[in-house]
N, C-alpha and C. Protein backbone atom coordinates (compact mmCIF):
# COMPACT_ATOMS: atom_id res chain seq x y z
N MET A 1 18.68 -16.75 -14.74
CA MET A 1 19.21 -16.28 -13.47
C MET A 1 20.69 -15.95 -13.58
N THR A 2 21.44 -16.76 -14.32
CA THR A 2 22.87 -16.50 -14.50
C THR A 2 23.08 -15.13 -15.12
N GLN A 3 22.25 -14.78 -16.09
CA GLN A 3 22.36 -13.49 -16.75
C GLN A 3 22.13 -12.36 -15.73
N GLY A 4 21.15 -12.52 -14.85
CA GLY A 4 20.87 -11.53 -13.82
C GLY A 4 22.03 -11.38 -12.86
N VAL A 5 22.66 -12.49 -12.50
CA VAL A 5 23.83 -12.43 -11.61
C VAL A 5 24.97 -11.69 -12.29
N LEU A 6 25.20 -11.99 -13.56
CA LEU A 6 26.28 -11.32 -14.29
C LEU A 6 26.01 -9.82 -14.43
N TYR A 7 24.77 -9.45 -14.76
CA TYR A 7 24.43 -8.03 -14.84
C TYR A 7 24.66 -7.34 -13.50
N SER A 8 24.24 -7.99 -12.42
CA SER A 8 24.39 -7.40 -11.09
C SER A 8 25.86 -7.26 -10.70
N LEU A 9 26.66 -8.27 -11.00
CA LEU A 9 28.09 -8.19 -10.72
C LEU A 9 28.74 -7.05 -11.51
N PHE A 10 28.40 -6.95 -12.79
CA PHE A 10 28.96 -5.90 -13.63
C PHE A 10 28.53 -4.52 -13.12
N ALA A 11 27.26 -4.38 -12.72
CA ALA A 11 26.79 -3.11 -12.18
C ALA A 11 27.53 -2.75 -10.90
N GLY A 12 27.75 -3.74 -10.03
CA GLY A 12 28.50 -3.48 -8.80
C GLY A 12 29.91 -3.00 -9.07
N ILE A 13 30.56 -3.62 -10.04
CA ILE A 13 31.92 -3.20 -10.42
C ILE A 13 31.90 -1.77 -10.93
N LEU A 14 30.95 -1.47 -11.82
CA LEU A 14 30.88 -0.12 -12.38
C LEU A 14 30.52 0.94 -11.34
N ILE A 15 29.65 0.59 -10.40
CA ILE A 15 29.30 1.54 -9.34
C ILE A 15 30.53 1.87 -8.50
N ALA A 16 31.31 0.84 -8.17
CA ALA A 16 32.52 1.08 -7.38
C ALA A 16 33.50 1.96 -8.15
N LEU A 17 33.73 1.64 -9.41
CA LEU A 17 34.64 2.44 -10.22
C LEU A 17 34.13 3.86 -10.40
N GLN A 18 32.84 3.99 -10.70
CA GLN A 18 32.27 5.33 -10.90
C GLN A 18 32.43 6.18 -9.65
N SER A 19 32.17 5.60 -8.49
CA SER A 19 32.27 6.38 -7.25
C SER A 19 33.69 6.83 -6.98
N ILE A 20 34.66 5.97 -7.26
CA ILE A 20 36.06 6.35 -7.07
C ILE A 20 36.44 7.45 -8.05
N PHE A 21 36.04 7.29 -9.32
CA PHE A 21 36.32 8.32 -10.32
C PHE A 21 35.66 9.63 -9.93
N ASN A 22 34.39 9.55 -9.49
CA ASN A 22 33.65 10.76 -9.10
C ASN A 22 34.34 11.48 -7.95
N THR A 23 34.83 10.72 -6.99
CA THR A 23 35.52 11.32 -5.84
C THR A 23 36.76 12.07 -6.30
N ASN A 24 37.49 11.50 -7.26
CA ASN A 24 38.68 12.18 -7.78
C ASN A 24 38.32 13.44 -8.55
N ILE A 25 37.25 13.40 -9.32
CA ILE A 25 36.79 14.61 -10.03
C ILE A 25 36.35 15.66 -9.03
N SER A 26 35.59 15.23 -8.03
CA SER A 26 35.05 16.14 -7.02
C SER A 26 36.15 16.85 -6.24
N ALA A 27 37.23 16.15 -5.96
CA ALA A 27 38.34 16.75 -5.22
C ALA A 27 38.95 17.92 -6.00
N LYS A 28 38.89 17.89 -7.32
CA LYS A 28 39.46 18.95 -8.16
C LYS A 28 38.46 20.04 -8.49
N THR A 29 37.18 19.66 -8.68
CA THR A 29 36.21 20.61 -9.25
C THR A 29 35.12 21.02 -8.28
N GLY A 30 34.89 20.26 -7.24
CA GLY A 30 33.75 20.49 -6.36
C GLY A 30 32.68 19.44 -6.63
N SER A 31 31.91 19.13 -5.62
CA SER A 31 30.96 18.02 -5.70
C SER A 31 29.81 18.26 -6.67
N TRP A 32 29.24 19.46 -6.67
CA TRP A 32 28.11 19.70 -7.56
C TRP A 32 28.55 19.83 -9.01
N THR A 33 29.75 20.37 -9.24
CA THR A 33 30.28 20.41 -10.60
C THR A 33 30.51 19.00 -11.10
N MET A 34 31.11 18.16 -10.27
CA MET A 34 31.33 16.76 -10.63
C MET A 34 30.00 16.07 -10.95
N THR A 35 29.00 16.28 -10.10
CA THR A 35 27.71 15.64 -10.30
C THR A 35 27.09 16.07 -11.63
N THR A 36 27.20 17.34 -11.94
CA THR A 36 26.66 17.86 -13.19
C THR A 36 27.38 17.27 -14.39
N VAL A 37 28.70 17.24 -14.33
CA VAL A 37 29.49 16.70 -15.44
C VAL A 37 29.19 15.21 -15.63
N VAL A 38 29.17 14.46 -14.55
CA VAL A 38 28.92 13.02 -14.62
C VAL A 38 27.55 12.74 -15.26
N HIS A 39 26.53 13.47 -14.85
CA HIS A 39 25.22 13.23 -15.43
C HIS A 39 25.11 13.75 -16.86
N GLY A 40 25.84 14.81 -17.18
CA GLY A 40 25.87 15.28 -18.57
C GLY A 40 26.50 14.25 -19.49
N VAL A 41 27.63 13.69 -19.07
CA VAL A 41 28.29 12.64 -19.86
C VAL A 41 27.38 11.41 -19.94
N GLY A 42 26.74 11.07 -18.83
CA GLY A 42 25.81 9.93 -18.81
C GLY A 42 24.63 10.15 -19.74
N PHE A 43 24.11 11.37 -19.78
CA PHE A 43 23.00 11.69 -20.68
C PHE A 43 23.42 11.51 -22.13
N LEU A 44 24.60 12.03 -22.48
CA LEU A 44 25.08 11.89 -23.86
C LEU A 44 25.30 10.42 -24.23
N ALA A 45 25.89 9.66 -23.30
CA ALA A 45 26.11 8.23 -23.56
C ALA A 45 24.78 7.50 -23.72
N GLY A 46 23.83 7.80 -22.84
CA GLY A 46 22.51 7.18 -22.94
C GLY A 46 21.80 7.54 -24.23
N LEU A 47 21.91 8.79 -24.65
CA LEU A 47 21.28 9.23 -25.89
C LEU A 47 21.87 8.49 -27.09
N LEU A 48 23.18 8.35 -27.12
CA LEU A 48 23.82 7.60 -28.21
C LEU A 48 23.39 6.14 -28.23
N ILE A 49 23.32 5.54 -27.06
CA ILE A 49 22.91 4.13 -26.98
C ILE A 49 21.47 3.97 -27.46
N VAL A 50 20.57 4.86 -27.02
CA VAL A 50 19.17 4.78 -27.43
C VAL A 50 19.03 4.94 -28.94
N MET A 51 19.86 5.79 -29.54
CA MET A 51 19.80 5.99 -30.99
C MET A 51 20.11 4.70 -31.74
N PHE A 52 20.98 3.85 -31.17
CA PHE A 52 21.35 2.61 -31.83
C PHE A 52 20.48 1.42 -31.41
N VAL A 53 20.11 1.37 -30.15
CA VAL A 53 19.36 0.21 -29.64
C VAL A 53 17.87 0.32 -29.95
N ARG A 54 17.30 1.49 -29.77
CA ARG A 54 15.87 1.74 -30.01
C ARG A 54 15.00 0.68 -29.36
N ASP A 55 15.06 0.61 -28.03
CA ASP A 55 14.35 -0.45 -27.31
C ASP A 55 13.06 -0.02 -26.66
N GLY A 56 12.46 1.06 -27.10
CA GLY A 56 11.21 1.50 -26.52
C GLY A 56 10.60 2.58 -27.38
N SER A 57 9.57 3.23 -26.84
CA SER A 57 8.92 4.29 -27.59
C SER A 57 8.54 5.42 -26.65
N VAL A 58 8.34 6.60 -27.24
CA VAL A 58 7.94 7.75 -26.44
C VAL A 58 6.56 7.51 -25.83
N GLU A 59 5.69 6.84 -26.58
CA GLU A 59 4.35 6.54 -26.05
C GLU A 59 4.44 5.71 -24.78
N GLU A 60 5.31 4.72 -24.77
CA GLU A 60 5.49 3.88 -23.58
C GLU A 60 6.05 4.71 -22.44
N LEU A 61 6.99 5.59 -22.75
CA LEU A 61 7.59 6.45 -21.73
C LEU A 61 6.54 7.36 -21.10
N LEU A 62 5.65 7.88 -21.91
CA LEU A 62 4.61 8.78 -21.41
C LEU A 62 3.57 8.06 -20.56
N SER A 63 3.48 6.73 -20.68
CA SER A 63 2.50 5.99 -19.91
C SER A 63 3.01 5.58 -18.52
N VAL A 64 4.28 5.81 -18.26
CA VAL A 64 4.88 5.45 -16.97
C VAL A 64 4.36 6.39 -15.88
N ASN A 65 4.14 5.86 -14.69
CA ASN A 65 3.75 6.67 -13.55
C ASN A 65 4.77 7.80 -13.39
N LYS A 66 4.32 9.04 -13.38
CA LYS A 66 5.22 10.21 -13.35
C LYS A 66 6.11 10.22 -12.10
N MET A 67 5.67 9.60 -11.02
CA MET A 67 6.48 9.54 -9.80
C MET A 67 7.82 8.84 -10.08
N TYR A 68 7.83 7.88 -10.98
CA TYR A 68 9.05 7.13 -11.26
C TYR A 68 10.11 7.96 -11.97
N TYR A 69 9.73 9.09 -12.52
CA TYR A 69 10.72 9.98 -13.13
C TYR A 69 11.66 10.58 -12.08
N LEU A 70 11.27 10.51 -10.82
CA LEU A 70 12.15 10.98 -9.74
C LEU A 70 13.48 10.22 -9.70
N SER A 71 13.54 9.08 -10.37
CA SER A 71 14.78 8.30 -10.35
C SER A 71 15.95 9.10 -10.89
N GLY A 72 15.71 10.00 -11.84
CA GLY A 72 16.79 10.87 -12.33
C GLY A 72 17.31 11.79 -11.24
N PHE A 73 16.39 12.34 -10.45
CA PHE A 73 16.78 13.18 -9.31
C PHE A 73 17.52 12.35 -8.27
N PHE A 74 17.03 11.12 -8.03
CA PHE A 74 17.72 10.22 -7.11
C PHE A 74 19.15 9.98 -7.58
N GLY A 75 19.32 9.79 -8.89
CA GLY A 75 20.65 9.55 -9.44
C GLY A 75 21.61 10.68 -9.13
N VAL A 76 21.13 11.92 -9.25
CA VAL A 76 21.96 13.08 -8.93
C VAL A 76 22.37 13.04 -7.46
N LEU A 77 21.41 12.77 -6.59
CA LEU A 77 21.71 12.72 -5.15
C LEU A 77 22.62 11.55 -4.81
N ILE A 78 22.42 10.41 -5.47
CA ILE A 78 23.27 9.24 -5.22
C ILE A 78 24.72 9.55 -5.53
N VAL A 79 24.96 10.14 -6.70
CA VAL A 79 26.33 10.46 -7.09
C VAL A 79 26.95 11.45 -6.10
N TYR A 80 26.20 12.47 -5.73
CA TYR A 80 26.72 13.47 -4.78
C TYR A 80 27.01 12.84 -3.42
N PHE A 81 26.02 12.13 -2.85
CA PHE A 81 26.20 11.57 -1.51
C PHE A 81 27.25 10.47 -1.47
N ALA A 82 27.33 9.65 -2.51
CA ALA A 82 28.34 8.59 -2.56
C ALA A 82 29.74 9.21 -2.57
N ALA A 83 29.94 10.26 -3.36
CA ALA A 83 31.25 10.93 -3.40
C ALA A 83 31.59 11.54 -2.05
N GLN A 84 30.60 12.16 -1.40
CA GLN A 84 30.85 12.76 -0.08
C GLN A 84 31.20 11.68 0.94
N GLY A 85 30.47 10.57 0.90
CA GLY A 85 30.75 9.47 1.83
C GLY A 85 32.13 8.89 1.62
N MET A 86 32.52 8.74 0.36
CA MET A 86 33.84 8.17 0.06
C MET A 86 34.96 9.11 0.49
N MET A 87 34.75 10.41 0.31
CA MET A 87 35.78 11.36 0.74
C MET A 87 35.93 11.35 2.26
N SER A 88 34.83 11.13 2.96
CA SER A 88 34.88 11.13 4.43
C SER A 88 35.34 9.81 5.02
N LEU A 89 34.92 8.69 4.42
CA LEU A 89 35.14 7.38 5.03
C LEU A 89 36.09 6.47 4.25
N GLY A 90 36.33 6.80 2.99
CA GLY A 90 37.09 5.89 2.13
C GLY A 90 36.14 4.95 1.41
N PRO A 91 36.61 4.33 0.32
CA PRO A 91 35.71 3.52 -0.51
C PRO A 91 35.10 2.31 0.19
N VAL A 92 35.88 1.53 0.91
CA VAL A 92 35.36 0.27 1.45
C VAL A 92 34.30 0.51 2.53
N TYR A 93 34.62 1.31 3.51
CA TYR A 93 33.68 1.57 4.61
C TYR A 93 32.43 2.25 4.08
N SER A 94 32.60 3.21 3.19
CA SER A 94 31.46 3.91 2.59
C SER A 94 30.56 2.95 1.84
N PHE A 95 31.16 2.06 1.03
CA PHE A 95 30.35 1.11 0.26
C PHE A 95 29.67 0.08 1.15
N MET A 96 30.30 -0.29 2.23
CA MET A 96 29.65 -1.24 3.14
C MET A 96 28.36 -0.63 3.70
N ILE A 97 28.44 0.61 4.13
CA ILE A 97 27.26 1.29 4.67
C ILE A 97 26.22 1.49 3.57
N LEU A 98 26.67 1.92 2.40
CA LEU A 98 25.78 2.12 1.27
C LEU A 98 25.04 0.82 0.92
N MET A 99 25.77 -0.27 0.88
CA MET A 99 25.18 -1.55 0.50
C MET A 99 24.15 -2.01 1.53
N VAL A 100 24.45 -1.88 2.80
CA VAL A 100 23.49 -2.31 3.83
C VAL A 100 22.25 -1.42 3.79
N ALA A 101 22.43 -0.11 3.61
CA ALA A 101 21.28 0.79 3.51
C ALA A 101 20.42 0.41 2.30
N GLN A 102 21.07 0.12 1.19
CA GLN A 102 20.36 -0.26 -0.03
C GLN A 102 19.59 -1.58 0.18
N LEU A 103 20.23 -2.55 0.79
CA LEU A 103 19.58 -3.84 1.03
C LEU A 103 18.43 -3.71 2.02
N LEU A 104 18.61 -2.91 3.06
CA LEU A 104 17.56 -2.73 4.05
C LEU A 104 16.32 -2.08 3.43
N ILE A 105 16.52 -1.02 2.65
CA ILE A 105 15.39 -0.36 2.00
C ILE A 105 14.74 -1.30 0.98
N ALA A 106 15.55 -2.03 0.22
CA ALA A 106 15.00 -2.98 -0.76
C ALA A 106 14.19 -4.07 -0.05
N LEU A 107 14.66 -4.52 1.10
CA LEU A 107 13.92 -5.53 1.87
C LEU A 107 12.58 -4.98 2.34
N ILE A 108 12.58 -3.76 2.83
CA ILE A 108 11.33 -3.13 3.28
C ILE A 108 10.36 -2.98 2.10
N ILE A 109 10.87 -2.52 0.97
CA ILE A 109 10.02 -2.35 -0.22
C ILE A 109 9.48 -3.71 -0.68
N ASN A 110 10.36 -4.71 -0.73
CA ASN A 110 9.95 -6.05 -1.19
C ASN A 110 8.93 -6.70 -0.27
N THR A 111 9.13 -6.59 1.04
CA THR A 111 8.21 -7.25 1.97
C THR A 111 6.85 -6.55 2.01
N ASN A 112 6.80 -5.31 1.60
CA ASN A 112 5.52 -4.59 1.57
C ASN A 112 4.90 -4.54 0.17
N GLY A 113 5.67 -4.96 -0.84
CA GLY A 113 5.15 -4.96 -2.20
C GLY A 113 4.95 -3.56 -2.78
N TRP A 114 5.71 -2.60 -2.30
CA TRP A 114 5.57 -1.22 -2.78
C TRP A 114 6.14 -1.08 -4.20
N PHE A 115 5.67 -0.09 -4.91
CA PHE A 115 6.18 0.29 -6.24
C PHE A 115 6.11 -0.86 -7.25
N ASN A 116 5.07 -1.65 -7.17
CA ASN A 116 4.83 -2.74 -8.13
C ASN A 116 5.89 -3.83 -8.12
N VAL A 117 6.58 -4.03 -6.99
CA VAL A 117 7.53 -5.15 -6.91
C VAL A 117 6.82 -6.34 -6.26
N GLU A 118 7.31 -7.51 -6.57
CA GLU A 118 6.72 -8.72 -6.02
C GLU A 118 6.93 -8.75 -4.51
N MET A 119 5.86 -9.02 -3.80
CA MET A 119 5.90 -9.07 -2.35
C MET A 119 6.56 -10.37 -1.90
N ILE A 120 7.50 -10.27 -0.95
CA ILE A 120 8.13 -11.45 -0.38
C ILE A 120 7.86 -11.48 1.12
N GLU A 121 8.00 -12.66 1.68
CA GLU A 121 7.77 -12.83 3.11
C GLU A 121 9.02 -12.41 3.89
N LEU A 122 8.81 -11.67 4.96
CA LEU A 122 9.92 -11.31 5.85
C LEU A 122 10.13 -12.46 6.81
N THR A 123 11.26 -13.14 6.65
CA THR A 123 11.55 -14.30 7.48
C THR A 123 12.63 -13.97 8.50
N SER A 124 12.77 -14.82 9.49
CA SER A 124 13.81 -14.60 10.50
C SER A 124 15.19 -14.69 9.85
N GLY A 125 15.34 -15.50 8.81
CA GLY A 125 16.61 -15.61 8.11
C GLY A 125 17.01 -14.30 7.44
N LYS A 126 16.04 -13.61 6.86
CA LYS A 126 16.32 -12.32 6.22
C LYS A 126 16.72 -11.28 7.28
N VAL A 127 16.00 -11.26 8.38
CA VAL A 127 16.32 -10.32 9.46
C VAL A 127 17.71 -10.64 10.04
N PHE A 128 17.97 -11.92 10.26
CA PHE A 128 19.27 -12.34 10.80
C PHE A 128 20.40 -11.95 9.83
N GLY A 129 20.17 -12.13 8.54
CA GLY A 129 21.17 -11.76 7.54
C GLY A 129 21.50 -10.27 7.59
N MET A 130 20.48 -9.43 7.74
CA MET A 130 20.71 -7.98 7.84
C MET A 130 21.51 -7.65 9.11
N ILE A 131 21.16 -8.30 10.21
CA ILE A 131 21.87 -8.06 11.46
C ILE A 131 23.34 -8.46 11.33
N ILE A 132 23.60 -9.59 10.69
CA ILE A 132 24.97 -10.06 10.48
C ILE A 132 25.77 -9.03 9.65
N MET A 133 25.14 -8.49 8.61
CA MET A 133 25.84 -7.49 7.78
C MET A 133 26.16 -6.24 8.58
N ILE A 134 25.24 -5.79 9.41
CA ILE A 134 25.48 -4.59 10.23
C ILE A 134 26.60 -4.86 11.23
N ILE A 135 26.58 -6.04 11.85
CA ILE A 135 27.67 -6.42 12.76
C ILE A 135 28.99 -6.45 12.01
N GLY A 136 28.99 -6.94 10.78
CA GLY A 136 30.19 -6.95 9.96
C GLY A 136 30.77 -5.56 9.74
N ILE A 137 29.91 -4.60 9.51
CA ILE A 137 30.38 -3.21 9.33
C ILE A 137 31.03 -2.70 10.60
N VAL A 138 30.39 -2.97 11.74
CA VAL A 138 30.95 -2.53 13.02
C VAL A 138 32.32 -3.17 13.26
N ILE A 139 32.42 -4.48 13.01
CA ILE A 139 33.70 -5.18 13.18
C ILE A 139 34.75 -4.62 12.23
N PHE A 140 34.38 -4.40 10.98
CA PHE A 140 35.31 -3.86 9.99
C PHE A 140 35.81 -2.48 10.42
N GLN A 141 34.90 -1.64 10.88
CA GLN A 141 35.26 -0.26 11.26
C GLN A 141 36.18 -0.24 12.46
N ARG A 142 35.97 -1.13 13.39
CA ARG A 142 36.80 -1.17 14.61
C ARG A 142 38.11 -1.89 14.40
N GLY A 143 38.16 -2.77 13.36
CA GLY A 143 39.31 -3.63 13.13
C GLY A 143 40.49 -2.90 12.68
C-alpha cells in the first residue's frame, strides 16, 4: 500500500507540473500544437522506456479490449482541456475542479463495477466526503 501511495503522490506532482508546463507552451504555440508536441515527446519517452524495460508483449497488447485503446484519445483531450482550464481559472482552482470531477467519476465507476474494477459499496460517508469537497471548492473560489 505504501508503494501505491508513493506512486499516486508522484503522479499528482507530475500532473500538476505537466499542466503548468503545458499552459506555458500553449500560450506561445497554441493549444493543439502544444497537445501534439507533448504527446509526441511522451510517445518517444515511452518508446525508449519500453525498449529498456520490456514489461509486456505485443500478443498481450492485442488481447486487450479494443475500447480501452481510447485512453490515448482521452490523454489528448485531458492535456488540451487541463491547459484551457488552467489558462481560464489558474492552476489551483482548475485542479480542484479537475480532482473532484475525477473522484466523482471514479466513485461512480467503482460503485457500479464498470470496466473490470472492483465494485465497492456507496456509503453515506463517501457521499458526504464528495459533498465536503464540492463545498470546499465553493469556499475557495469565493474566498
